[in-house]
Amino acid sequence: TAYIGGRCDGVHVQTRSDQCATHARSVPCYSSIGRVEATMGGSYDEVDLEDMDWNAEMGAFTYQCPCGDLFFITPDDLRGGEEIGHCPSCSLVITVVYDAEDLVKIIPEGF
C-alpha cells in the first residue's frame, strides 16, 4: 500500500476517523466500501436522525444543506449502519446520529 498525496490508498479499518489502523498515521484511508472514512476534512455537522425530515417522495430522511439542496440518508443506508448523509449538489456531508435499536420506530412503515 502506498501513500498518494498524503493519504492511504489501501483498504483498512481505522481506529479513529482520521487514522488508518494499519499505518497508524493520521491520513484519510479508503474503507472497504470505497468511500473516504475521514470525509476529507470532516462532516459539516452532526444531526440527530429525529431532527431530520422524512421525505416520502425521495424515500429518505432529509436535512437542509447550506447550498440550498438537501442532505439525505435512506432507510436502507441506516439499516446497513451508514451514518453519513450526502448532499447531491455539493461536497458537504453530515454525520447522522441515531440508535440502531430505534430504527424500527423511526423509519416509516413500508420503507
PDB file of N, CA and C in Angstrom:
ATOM      1  N   THR A   1       0.841  -1.177   0.000  1.00  0.00           N
ATOM      2  CA  THR A   1       0.000   0.000   0.000  1.00  0.00           C
ATOM      3  C   THR A   1       0.884   1.237   0.000  1.00  0.00           C
ATOM      4  N   ALA A   2       0.492   2.229  -0.748  1.00  0.00           N
ATOM      5  CA  ALA A   2       1.296   3.442  -0.869  1.00  0.00           C
ATOM      6  C   ALA A   2       0.503   4.658  -0.424  1.00  0.00           C
ATOM      7  N   TYR A   3       1.236   5.702  -0.090  1.00  0.00           N
ATOM      8  CA  TYR A   3       0.609   6.977   0.219  1.00  0.00           C
ATOM      9  C   TYR A   3       0.625   7.824  -1.041  1.00  0.00           C
ATOM     10  N   ILE A   4      -0.527   8.333  -1.397  1.00  0.00           N
ATOM     11  CA  ILE A   4      -0.643   9.189  -2.574  1.00  0.00           C
ATOM     12  C   ILE A   4      -1.204  10.521  -2.099  1.00  0.00           C
ATOM     13  N   GLY A   5      -0.434  11.557  -2.258  1.00  0.00           N
ATOM     14  CA  GLY A   5      -0.901  12.875  -1.828  1.00  0.00           C
ATOM     15  C   GLY A   5      -1.217  12.937  -0.346  1.00  0.00           C
ATOM     16  N   GLY A   6      -0.503  12.143   0.474  1.00  0.00           N
ATOM     17  CA  GLY A   6      -0.713  12.183   1.908  1.00  0.00           C
ATOM     18  C   GLY A   6      -1.861  11.340   2.412  1.00  0.00           C
ATOM     19  N   ARG A   7      -2.406  10.468   1.559  1.00  0.00           N
ATOM     20  CA  ARG A   7      -3.490   9.626   2.055  1.00  0.00           C
ATOM     21  C   ARG A   7      -3.228   8.177   1.706  1.00  0.00           C
ATOM     22  N   CYS A   8      -3.749   7.300   2.493  1.00  0.00           N
ATOM     23  CA  CYS A   8      -3.576   5.865   2.297  1.00  0.00           C
ATOM     24  C   CYS A   8      -4.518   5.407   1.192  1.00  0.00           C
ATOM     25  N   ASP A   9      -4.013   4.665   0.232  1.00  0.00           N
ATOM     26  CA  ASP A   9      -4.884   4.157  -0.833  1.00  0.00           C
ATOM     27  C   ASP A   9      -5.260   2.704  -0.588  1.00  0.00           C
ATOM     28  N   GLY A  10      -4.969   2.189   0.597  1.00  0.00           N
ATOM     29  CA  GLY A  10      -5.284   0.801   0.928  1.00  0.00           C
ATOM     30  C   GLY A  10      -6.700   0.645   1.446  1.00  0.00           C
ATOM     31  N   VAL A  11      -7.082  -0.581   1.712  1.00  0.00           N
ATOM     32  CA  VAL A  11      -8.399  -0.884   2.261  1.00  0.00           C
ATOM     33  C   VAL A  11      -8.170  -1.358   3.692  1.00  0.00           C
ATOM     34  N   HIS A  12      -8.351  -0.459   4.638  1.00  0.00           N
ATOM     35  CA  HIS A  12      -8.027  -0.747   6.029  1.00  0.00           C
ATOM     36  C   HIS A  12      -9.111  -0.239   6.964  1.00  0.00           C
ATOM     37  N   VAL A  13      -9.111  -0.765   8.164  1.00  0.00           N
ATOM     38  CA  VAL A  13     -10.014  -0.305   9.212  1.00  0.00           C
ATOM     39  C   VAL A  13      -9.310   0.805   9.975  1.00  0.00           C
ATOM     40  N   GLN A  14     -10.058   1.821  10.346  1.00  0.00           N
ATOM     41  CA  GLN A  14      -9.464   2.925  11.072  1.00  0.00           C
ATOM     42  C   GLN A  14      -9.794   2.845  12.558  1.00  0.00           C
ATOM     43  N   THR A  15      -8.848   3.253  13.390  1.00  0.00           N
ATOM     44  CA  THR A  15      -9.081   3.294  14.828  1.00  0.00           C
ATOM     45  C   THR A  15      -9.770   4.589  15.225  1.00  0.00           C
ATOM     46  N   ARG A  16      -9.575   5.630  14.457  1.00  0.00           N
ATOM     47  CA  ARG A  16     -10.242   6.911  14.638  1.00  0.00           C
ATOM     48  C   ARG A  16     -10.640   7.378  13.249  1.00  0.00           C
ATOM     49  N   SER A  17     -11.472   8.413  13.190  1.00  0.00           N
ATOM     50  CA  SER A  17     -11.914   8.884  11.882  1.00  0.00           C
ATOM     51  C   SER A  17     -10.783   9.427  11.033  1.00  0.00           C
ATOM     52  N   ASP A  18      -9.662   9.780  11.654  1.00  0.00           N
ATOM     53  CA  ASP A  18      -8.562  10.361  10.885  1.00  0.00           C
ATOM     54  C   ASP A  18      -7.313   9.492  10.864  1.00  0.00           C
ATOM     55  N   GLN A  19      -7.405   8.234  11.307  1.00  0.00           N
ATOM     56  CA  GLN A  19      -6.192   7.426  11.382  1.00  0.00           C
ATOM     57  C   GLN A  19      -6.418   6.022  10.840  1.00  0.00           C
ATOM     58  N   CYS A  20      -5.580   5.616   9.920  1.00  0.00           N
ATOM     59  CA  CYS A  20      -5.589   4.258   9.387  1.00  0.00           C
ATOM     60  C   CYS A  20      -4.909   3.353  10.417  1.00  0.00           C
ATOM     61  N   ALA A  21      -5.604   2.320  10.896  1.00  0.00           N
ATOM     62  CA  ALA A  21      -5.047   1.424  11.918  1.00  0.00           C
ATOM     63  C   ALA A  21      -3.839   0.658  11.397  1.00  0.00           C
ATOM     64  N   THR A  22      -3.843   0.320  10.121  1.00  0.00           N
ATOM     65  CA  THR A  22      -2.730  -0.426   9.545  1.00  0.00           C
ATOM     66  C   THR A  22      -1.463   0.410   9.529  1.00  0.00           C
ATOM     67  N   HIS A  23      -1.599   1.670   9.165  1.00  0.00           N
ATOM     68  CA  HIS A  23      -0.432   2.533   9.051  1.00  0.00           C
ATOM     69  C   HIS A  23      -0.165   3.343  10.308  1.00  0.00           C
ATOM     70  N   ALA A  24      -1.138   3.386  11.226  1.00  0.00           N
ATOM     71  CA  ALA A  24      -1.014   4.163  12.464  1.00  0.00           C
ATOM     72  C   ALA A  24      -0.550   5.585  12.179  1.00  0.00           C
ATOM     73  N   ARG A  25      -1.105   6.141  11.115  1.00  0.00           N
ATOM     74  CA  ARG A  25      -0.796   7.517  10.744  1.00  0.00           C
ATOM     75  C   ARG A  25      -2.091   8.267  10.537  1.00  0.00           C
ATOM     76  N   SER A  26      -2.058   9.540  10.801  1.00  0.00           N
ATOM     77  CA  SER A  26      -3.246  10.359  10.627  1.00  0.00           C
ATOM     78  C   SER A  26      -3.390  10.790   9.175  1.00  0.00           C
ATOM     79  N   VAL A  27      -3.874   9.875   8.372  1.00  0.00           N
ATOM     80  CA  VAL A  27      -4.154  10.157   6.964  1.00  0.00           C
ATOM     81  C   VAL A  27      -5.498   9.534   6.635  1.00  0.00           C
ATOM     82  N   PRO A  28      -6.290  10.156   5.758  1.00  0.00           N
ATOM     83  CA  PRO A  28      -7.531   9.526   5.346  1.00  0.00           C
ATOM     84  C   PRO A  28      -7.247   8.169   4.705  1.00  0.00           C
ATOM     85  N   CYS A  29      -8.040   7.195   5.014  1.00  0.00           N
ATOM     86  CA  CYS A  29      -7.848   5.845   4.493  1.00  0.00           C
ATOM     87  C   CYS A  29      -9.151   5.374   3.873  1.00  0.00           C
ATOM     88  N   TYR A  30      -9.103   4.875   2.649  1.00  0.00           N
ATOM     89  CA  TYR A  30     -10.306   4.396   1.994  1.00  0.00           C
ATOM     90  C   TYR A  30     -10.821   3.143   2.673  1.00  0.00           C
ATOM     91  N   SER A  31     -12.120   3.097   2.921  1.00  0.00           N
ATOM     92  CA  SER A  31     -12.726   1.945   3.582  1.00  0.00           C
ATOM     93  C   SER A  31     -13.019   0.854   2.572  1.00  0.00           C
ATOM     94  N   SER A  32     -13.474  -0.277   3.077  1.00  0.00           N
ATOM     95  CA  SER A  32     -13.768  -1.416   2.205  1.00  0.00           C
ATOM     96  C   SER A  32     -14.954  -1.163   1.290  1.00  0.00           C
ATOM     97  N   ILE A  33     -15.778  -0.153   1.578  1.00  0.00           N
ATOM     98  CA  ILE A  33     -16.896   0.138   0.685  1.00  0.00           C
ATOM     99  C   ILE A  33     -16.571   1.280  -0.266  1.00  0.00           C
ATOM    100  N   GLY A  34     -15.337   1.744  -0.227  1.00  0.00           N
ATOM    101  CA  GLY A  34     -14.880   2.681  -1.241  1.00  0.00           C
ATOM    102  C   GLY A  34     -15.048   4.152  -0.954  1.00  0.00           C
ATOM    103  N   ARG A  35     -15.560   4.530   0.198  1.00  0.00           N
ATOM    104  CA  ARG A  35     -15.651   5.960   0.481  1.00  0.00           C
ATOM    105  C   ARG A  35     -14.551   6.341   1.451  1.00  0.00           C
ATOM    106  N   VAL A  36     -14.230   7.591   1.519  1.00  0.00           N
ATOM    107  CA  VAL A  36     -13.182   8.041   2.426  1.00  0.00           C
ATOM    108  C   VAL A  36     -13.802   8.184   3.807  1.00  0.00           C
ATOM    109  N   GLU A  37     -13.298   7.392   4.757  1.00  0.00           N
ATOM    110  CA  GLU A  37     -13.857   7.405   6.104  1.00  0.00           C
ATOM    111  C   GLU A  37     -13.707   8.768   6.772  1.00  0.00           C
ATOM    112  N   ALA A  38     -12.631   9.447   6.507  1.00  0.00           N
ATOM    113  CA  ALA A  38     -12.406  10.731   7.166  1.00  0.00           C
ATOM    114  C   ALA A  38     -13.202  11.855   6.528  1.00  0.00           C
ATOM    115  N   THR A  39     -13.952  11.582   5.500  1.00  0.00           N
ATOM    116  CA  THR A  39     -14.774  12.528   4.750  1.00  0.00           C
ATOM    117  C   THR A  39     -14.002  13.779   4.349  1.00  0.00           C
ATOM    118  N   MET A  40     -12.719  13.600   4.100  1.00  0.00           N
ATOM    119  CA  MET A  40     -11.859  14.662   3.573  1.00  0.00           C
ATOM    120  C   MET A  40     -12.072  15.991   4.302  1.00  0.00           C
ATOM    121  N   GLY A  41     -11.868  16.002   5.588  1.00  0.00           N
ATOM    122  CA  GLY A  41     -11.986  17.236   6.343  1.00  0.00           C
ATOM    123  C   GLY A  41     -13.128  17.205   7.331  1.00  0.00           C
ATOM    124  N   GLY A  42     -13.850  16.136   7.427  1.00  0.00           N
ATOM    125  CA  GLY A  42     -14.922  16.009   8.399  1.00  0.00           C
ATOM    126  C   GLY A  42     -16.272  16.367   7.835  1.00  0.00           C
ATOM    127  N   SER A  43     -17.258  16.159   8.660  1.00  0.00           N
ATOM    128  CA  SER A  43     -18.616  16.453   8.223  1.00  0.00           C
ATOM    129  C   SER A  43     -18.975  17.897   8.565  1.00  0.00           C
ATOM    130  N   TYR A  44     -19.937  18.417   7.852  1.00  0.00           N
ATOM    131  CA  TYR A  44     -20.412  19.780   8.054  1.00  0.00           C
ATOM    132  C   TYR A  44     -21.039  19.928   9.438  1.00  0.00           C
ATOM    133  N   ASP A  45     -21.774  18.888   9.873  1.00  0.00           N
ATOM    134  CA  ASP A  45     -22.491  18.962  11.140  1.00  0.00           C
ATOM    135  C   ASP A  45     -22.877  17.561  11.585  1.00  0.00           C
ATOM    136  N   GLU A  46     -23.193  17.420  12.863  1.00  0.00           N
ATOM    137  CA  GLU A  46     -23.795  16.194  13.383  1.00  0.00           C
ATOM    138  C   GLU A  46     -25.267  16.490  13.603  1.00  0.00           C
ATOM    139  N   VAL A  47     -26.137  15.620  13.072  1.00  0.00           N
ATOM    140  CA  VAL A  47     -27.574  15.847  13.144  1.00  0.00           C
ATOM    141  C   VAL A  47     -28.245  14.592  13.674  1.00  0.00           C
ATOM    142  N   ASP A  48     -29.090  14.749  14.698  1.00  0.00           N
ATOM    143  CA  ASP A  48     -29.864  13.617  15.193  1.00  0.00           C
ATOM    144  C   ASP A  48     -30.884  13.219  14.140  1.00  0.00           C
ATOM    145  N   LEU A  49     -31.025  11.930  13.912  1.00  0.00           N
ATOM    146  CA  LEU A  49     -31.989  11.434  12.929  1.00  0.00           C
ATOM    147  C   LEU A  49     -33.386  11.965  13.228  1.00  0.00           C
ATOM    148  N   GLU A  50     -33.725  12.063  14.503  1.00  0.00           N
ATOM    149  CA  GLU A  50     -35.049  12.559  14.891  1.00  0.00           C
ATOM    150  C   GLU A  50     -35.260  14.024  14.508  1.00  0.00           C
ATOM    151  N   ASP A  51     -34.184  14.770  14.249  1.00  0.00           N
ATOM    152  CA  ASP A  51     -34.286  16.170  13.829  1.00  0.00           C
ATOM    153  C   ASP A  51     -34.358  16.320  12.313  1.00  0.00           C
ATOM    154  N   MET A  52     -34.240  15.218  11.595  1.00  0.00           N
ATOM    155  CA  MET A  52     -34.333  15.253  10.135  1.00  0.00           C
ATOM    156  C   MET A  52     -35.792  15.093   9.722  1.00  0.00           C
ATOM    157  N   ASP A  53     -36.115  15.545   8.515  1.00  0.00           N
ATOM    158  CA  ASP A  53     -37.474  15.428   7.985  1.00  0.00           C
ATOM    159  C   ASP A  53     -37.583  14.182   7.124  1.00  0.00           C
ATOM    160  N   TRP A  54     -38.733  13.495   7.203  1.00  0.00           N
ATOM    161  CA  TRP A  54     -38.995  12.363   6.323  1.00  0.00           C
ATOM    162  C   TRP A  54     -39.561  12.904   5.018  1.00  0.00           C
ATOM    163  N   ASN A  55     -38.953  12.552   3.900  1.00  0.00           N
ATOM    164  CA  ASN A  55     -39.406  12.963   2.577  1.00  0.00           C
ATOM    165  C   ASN A  55     -39.898  11.715   1.860  1.00  0.00           C
ATOM    166  N   ALA A  56     -41.223  11.520   1.831  1.00  0.00           N
ATOM    167  CA  ALA A  56     -41.807  10.309   1.244  1.00  0.00           C
ATOM    168  C   ALA A  56     -41.508  10.210  -0.247  1.00  0.00           C
ATOM    169  N   GLU A  57     -41.458  11.344  -0.936  1.00  0.00           N
ATOM    170  CA  GLU A  57     -41.175  11.343  -2.373  1.00  0.00           C
ATOM    171  C   GLU A  57     -39.775  10.795  -2.664  1.00  0.00           C
ATOM    172  N   MET A  58     -38.812  11.180  -1.837  1.00  0.00           N
ATOM    173  CA  MET A  58     -37.438  10.700  -2.001  1.00  0.00           C
ATOM    174  C   MET A  58     -37.228   9.347  -1.326  1.00  0.00           C
ATOM    175  N   GLY A  59     -38.103   9.008  -0.378  1.00  0.00           N
ATOM    176  CA  GLY A  59     -37.908   7.791   0.402  1.00  0.00           C
ATOM    177  C   GLY A  59     -36.666   7.894   1.261  1.00  0.00           C
ATOM    178  N   ALA A  60     -36.471   9.097   1.842  1.00  0.00           N
ATOM    179  CA  ALA A  60     -35.247   9.351   2.602  1.00  0.00           C
ATOM    180  C   ALA A  60     -35.505  10.396   3.681  1.00  0.00           C
ATOM    181  N   PHE A  61     -34.646  10.379   4.685  1.00  0.00           N
ATOM    182  CA  PHE A  61     -34.638  11.432   5.683  1.00  0.00           C
ATOM    183  C   PHE A  61     -33.778  12.558   5.119  1.00  0.00           C
ATOM    184  N   THR A  62     -34.221  13.805   5.293  1.00  0.00           N
ATOM    185  CA  THR A  62     -33.520  14.943   4.708  1.00  0.00           C
ATOM    186  C   THR A  62     -33.231  16.015   5.759  1.00  0.00           C
ATOM    187  N   TYR A  63     -32.255  16.855   5.421  1.00  0.00           N
ATOM    188  CA  TYR A  63     -31.863  17.973   6.279  1.00  0.00           C
ATOM    189  C   TYR A  63     -31.321  19.061   5.361  1.00  0.00           C
ATOM    190  N   GLN A  64     -31.693  20.303   5.617  1.00  0.00           N
ATOM    191  CA  GLN A  64     -31.310  21.412   4.739  1.00  0.00           C
ATOM    192  C   GLN A  64     -29.795  21.605   4.683  1.00  0.00           C
ATOM    193  N   CYS A  65     -29.264  21.669   3.475  1.00  0.00           N
ATOM    194  CA  CYS A  65     -27.848  21.944   3.248  1.00  0.00           C
ATOM    195  C   CYS A  65     -27.679  23.444   3.006  1.00  0.00           C
ATOM    196  N   PRO A  66     -26.573  24.038   3.427  1.00  0.00           N
ATOM    197  CA  PRO A  66     -26.372  25.468   3.186  1.00  0.00           C
ATOM    198  C   PRO A  66     -26.349  25.848   1.707  1.00  0.00           C
ATOM    199  N   CYS A  67     -26.099  24.883   0.817  1.00  0.00           N
ATOM    200  CA  CYS A  67     -26.072  25.195  -0.619  1.00  0.00           C
ATOM    201  C   CYS A  67     -27.476  25.371  -1.186  1.00  0.00           C
ATOM    202  N   GLY A  68     -28.508  25.016  -0.404  1.00  0.00           N
ATOM    203  CA  GLY A  68     -29.882  25.147  -0.869  1.00  0.00           C
ATOM    204  C   GLY A  68     -30.545  23.820  -1.177  1.00  0.00           C
ATOM    205  N   ASP A  69     -29.774  22.775  -1.350  1.00  0.00           N
ATOM    206  CA  ASP A  69     -30.321  21.439  -1.594  1.00  0.00           C
ATOM    207  C   ASP A  69     -30.520  20.737  -0.248  1.00  0.00           C
ATOM    208  N   LEU A  70     -30.679  19.422  -0.277  1.00  0.00           N
ATOM    209  CA  LEU A  70     -30.928  18.656   0.938  1.00  0.00           C
ATOM    210  C   LEU A  70     -29.914  17.541   1.119  1.00  0.00           C
ATOM    211  N   PHE A  71     -29.394  17.406   2.344  1.00  0.00           N
ATOM    212  CA  PHE A  71     -28.667  16.196   2.699  1.00  0.00           C
ATOM    213  C   PHE A  71     -29.714  15.094   2.766  1.00  0.00           C
ATOM    214  N   PHE A  72     -29.315  13.853   2.462  1.00  0.00           N
ATOM    215  CA  PHE A  72     -30.276  12.765   2.601  1.00  0.00           C
ATOM    216  C   PHE A  72     -29.585  11.479   3.019  1.00  0.00           C
ATOM    217  N   ILE A  73     -30.381  10.615   3.658  1.00  0.00           N
ATOM    218  CA  ILE A  73     -29.945   9.269   4.010  1.00  0.00           C
ATOM    219  C   ILE A  73     -31.186   8.385   3.958  1.00  0.00           C
ATOM    220  N   THR A  74     -31.067   7.220   3.348  1.00  0.00           N
ATOM    221  CA  THR A  74     -32.223   6.338   3.153  1.00  0.00           C
ATOM    222  C   THR A  74     -32.350   5.329   4.293  1.00  0.00           C
ATOM    223  N   PRO A  75     -33.550   4.757   4.454  1.00  0.00           N
ATOM    224  CA  PRO A  75     -33.717   3.694   5.449  1.00  0.00           C
ATOM    225  C   PRO A  75     -32.757   2.523   5.226  1.00  0.00           C
ATOM    226  N   ASP A  76     -32.519   2.151   3.971  1.00  0.00           N
ATOM    227  CA  ASP A  76     -31.579   1.057   3.695  1.00  0.00           C
ATOM    228  C   ASP A  76     -30.163   1.422   4.134  1.00  0.00           C
ATOM    229  N   ASP A  77     -29.766   2.686   3.925  1.00  0.00           N
ATOM    230  CA  ASP A  77     -28.460   3.147   4.402  1.00  0.00           C
ATOM    231  C   ASP A  77     -28.365   2.969   5.914  1.00  0.00           C
ATOM    232  N   LEU A  78     -29.405   3.412   6.616  1.00  0.00           N
ATOM    233  CA  LEU A  78     -29.415   3.340   8.076  1.00  0.00           C
ATOM    234  C   LEU A  78     -29.370   1.895   8.566  1.00  0.00           C
ATOM    235  N   ARG A  79     -30.164   1.039   7.955  1.00  0.00           N
ATOM    236  CA  ARG A  79     -30.171  -0.375   8.347  1.00  0.00           C
ATOM    237  C   ARG A  79     -28.811  -1.019   8.115  1.00  0.00           C
ATOM    238  N   GLY A  80     -28.079  -0.516   7.133  1.00  0.00           N
ATOM    239  CA  GLY A  80     -26.744  -1.029   6.828  1.00  0.00           C
ATOM    240  C   GLY A  80     -25.661  -0.426   7.711  1.00  0.00           C
ATOM    241  N   GLY A  81     -26.043   0.430   8.647  1.00  0.00           N
ATOM    242  CA  GLY A  81     -25.079   1.019   9.565  1.00  0.00           C
ATOM    243  C   GLY A  81     -24.460   2.320   9.090  1.00  0.00           C
ATOM    244  N   GLU A  82     -24.915   2.827   7.959  1.00  0.00           N
ATOM    245  CA  GLU A  82     -24.385   4.085   7.420  1.00  0.00           C
ATOM    246  C   GLU A  82     -24.753   5.233   8.349  1.00  0.00           C
ATOM    247  N   GLU A  83     -23.865   6.201   8.466  1.00  0.00           N
ATOM    248  CA  GLU A  83     -24.163   7.371   9.283  1.00  0.00           C
ATOM    249  C   GLU A  83     -23.759   8.675   8.594  1.00  0.00           C
ATOM    250  N   ILE A  84     -23.500   8.614   7.303  1.00  0.00           N
ATOM    251  CA  ILE A  84     -23.133   9.805   6.537  1.00  0.00           C
ATOM    252  C   ILE A  84     -24.275  10.167   5.590  1.00  0.00           C
ATOM    253  N   GLY A  85     -24.782  11.394   5.731  1.00  0.00           N
ATOM    254  CA  GLY A  85     -25.792  11.921   4.826  1.00  0.00           C
ATOM    255  C   GLY A  85     -25.108  12.791   3.788  1.00  0.00           C
ATOM    256  N   HIS A  86     -25.463  12.598   2.534  1.00  0.00           N
ATOM    257  CA  HIS A  86     -24.813  13.306   1.427  1.00  0.00           C
ATOM    258  C   HIS A  86     -25.733  14.360   0.830  1.00  0.00           C
ATOM    259  N   CYS A  87     -25.136  15.424   0.331  1.00  0.00           N
ATOM    260  CA  CYS A  87     -25.859  16.412  -0.461  1.00  0.00           C
ATOM    261  C   CYS A  87     -25.512  16.147  -1.919  1.00  0.00           C
ATOM    262  N   PRO A  88     -26.518  15.983  -2.786  1.00  0.00           N
ATOM    263  CA  PRO A  88     -26.227  15.690  -4.190  1.00  0.00           C
ATOM    264  C   PRO A  88     -25.706  16.887  -4.985  1.00  0.00           C
ATOM    265  N   SER A  89     -25.793  18.100  -4.421  1.00  0.00           N
ATOM    266  CA  SER A  89     -25.399  19.295  -5.164  1.00  0.00           C
ATOM    267  C   SER A  89     -24.043  19.871  -4.781  1.00  0.00           C
ATOM    268  N   CYS A  90     -23.483  19.419  -3.668  1.00  0.00           N
ATOM    269  CA  CYS A  90     -22.178  19.932  -3.254  1.00  0.00           C
ATOM    270  C   CYS A  90     -21.407  18.822  -2.552  1.00  0.00           C
ATOM    271  N   SER A  91     -20.239  19.142  -2.052  1.00  0.00           N
ATOM    272  CA  SER A  91     -19.382  18.117  -1.449  1.00  0.00           C
ATOM    273  C   SER A  91     -19.597  17.946   0.052  1.00  0.00           C
ATOM    274  N   LEU A  92     -20.505  18.711   0.644  1.00  0.00           N
ATOM    275  CA  LEU A  92     -20.723  18.611   2.084  1.00  0.00           C
ATOM    276  C   LEU A  92     -21.423  17.309   2.465  1.00  0.00           C
ATOM    277  N   VAL A  93     -21.093  16.822   3.654  1.00  0.00           N
ATOM    278  CA  VAL A  93     -21.763  15.653   4.229  1.00  0.00           C
ATOM    279  C   VAL A  93     -22.073  15.965   5.688  1.00  0.00           C
ATOM    280  N   ILE A  94     -23.057  15.257   6.241  1.00  0.00           N
ATOM    281  CA  ILE A  94     -23.360  15.356   7.662  1.00  0.00           C
ATOM    282  C   ILE A  94     -23.216  13.979   8.288  1.00  0.00           C
ATOM    283  N   THR A  95     -22.958  13.971   9.581  1.00  0.00           N
ATOM    284  CA  THR A  95     -22.953  12.731  10.345  1.00  0.00           C
ATOM    285  C   THR A  95     -24.321  12.614  11.000  1.00  0.00           C
ATOM    286  N   VAL A  96     -25.029  11.538  10.688  1.00  0.00           N
ATOM    287  CA  VAL A  96     -26.364  11.314  11.231  1.00  0.00           C
ATOM    288  C   VAL A  96     -26.220  10.469  12.494  1.00  0.00           C
ATOM    289  N   VAL A  97     -26.734  10.999  13.594  1.00  0.00           N
ATOM    290  CA  VAL A  97     -26.626  10.329  14.887  1.00  0.00           C
ATOM    291  C   VAL A  97     -27.943   9.621  15.176  1.00  0.00           C
ATOM    292  N   TYR A  98     -27.853   8.317  15.446  1.00  0.00           N
ATOM    293  CA  TYR A  98     -29.061   7.548  15.752  1.00  0.00           C
ATOM    294  C   TYR A  98     -28.692   6.295  16.520  1.00  0.00           C
ATOM    295  N   ASP A  99     -29.698   5.716  17.175  1.00  0.00           N
ATOM    296  CA  ASP A  99     -29.544   4.451  17.880  1.00  0.00           C
ATOM    297  C   ASP A  99     -30.158   3.384  16.986  1.00  0.00           C
ATOM    298  N   ALA A 100     -29.366   2.427  16.565  1.00  0.00           N
ATOM    299  CA  ALA A 100     -29.834   1.388  15.639  1.00  0.00           C
ATOM    300  C   ALA A 100     -31.057   0.657  16.172  1.00  0.00           C
ATOM    301  N   GLU A 101     -31.167   0.540  17.478  1.00  0.00           N
ATOM    302  CA  GLU A 101     -32.312  -0.152  18.072  1.00  0.00           C
ATOM    303  C   GLU A 101     -33.611   0.622  17.886  1.00  0.00           C
ATOM    304  N   ASP A 102     -33.528   1.938  17.656  1.00  0.00           N
ATOM    305  CA  ASP A 102     -34.716   2.770  17.489  1.00  0.00           C
ATOM    306  C   ASP A 102     -35.186   2.882  16.045  1.00  0.00           C
ATOM    307  N   LEU A 103     -34.451   2.310  15.103  1.00  0.00           N
ATOM    308  CA  LEU A 103     -34.801   2.456  13.685  1.00  0.00           C
ATOM    309  C   LEU A 103     -36.197   1.946  13.374  1.00  0.00           C
ATOM    310  N   VAL A 104     -36.611   0.865  14.009  1.00  0.00           N
ATOM    311  CA  VAL A 104     -37.943   0.296  13.750  1.00  0.00           C
ATOM    312  C   VAL A 104     -39.025   1.319  14.068  1.00  0.00           C
ATOM    313  N   LYS A 105     -38.813   2.121  15.105  1.00  0.00           N
ATOM    314  CA  LYS A 105     -39.796   3.137  15.499  1.00  0.00           C
ATOM    315  C   LYS A 105     -39.714   4.387  14.624  1.00  0.00           C
ATOM    316  N   ILE A 106     -38.541   4.685  14.101  1.00  0.00           N
ATOM    317  CA  ILE A 106     -38.322   5.937  13.374  1.00  0.00           C
ATOM    318  C   ILE A 106     -38.635   5.818  11.884  1.00  0.00           C
ATOM    319  N   ILE A 107     -38.267   4.695  11.273  1.00  0.00           N
ATOM    320  CA  ILE A 107     -38.470   4.520   9.832  1.00  0.00           C
ATOM    321  C   ILE A 107     -39.946   4.245   9.560  1.00  0.00           C
ATOM    322  N   PRO A 108     -40.563   5.010   8.652  1.00  0.00           N
ATOM    323  CA  PRO A 108     -41.975   4.793   8.335  1.00  0.00           C
ATOM    324  C   PRO A 108     -42.237   3.370   7.826  1.00  0.00           C
ATOM    325  N   GLU A 109     -43.405   2.865   8.158  1.00  0.00           N
ATOM    326  CA  GLU A 109     -43.792   1.517   7.741  1.00  0.00           C
ATOM    327  C   GLU A 109     -43.812   1.423   6.214  1.00  0.00           C
ATOM    328  N   GLY A 110     -43.300   0.337   5.692  1.00  0.00           N
ATOM    329  CA  GLY A 110     -43.272   0.126   4.251  1.00  0.00           C
ATOM    330  C   GLY A 110     -41.970   0.543   3.589  1.00  0.00           C
ATOM    331  N   PHE A 111     -41.063   1.102   4.364  1.00  0.00           N
ATOM    332  CA  PHE A 111     -39.775   1.514   3.810  1.00  0.00           C
ATOM    333  C   PHE A 111     -38.725   0.697   4.445  1.00  0.00           C
TER     334      PHE A 111
END
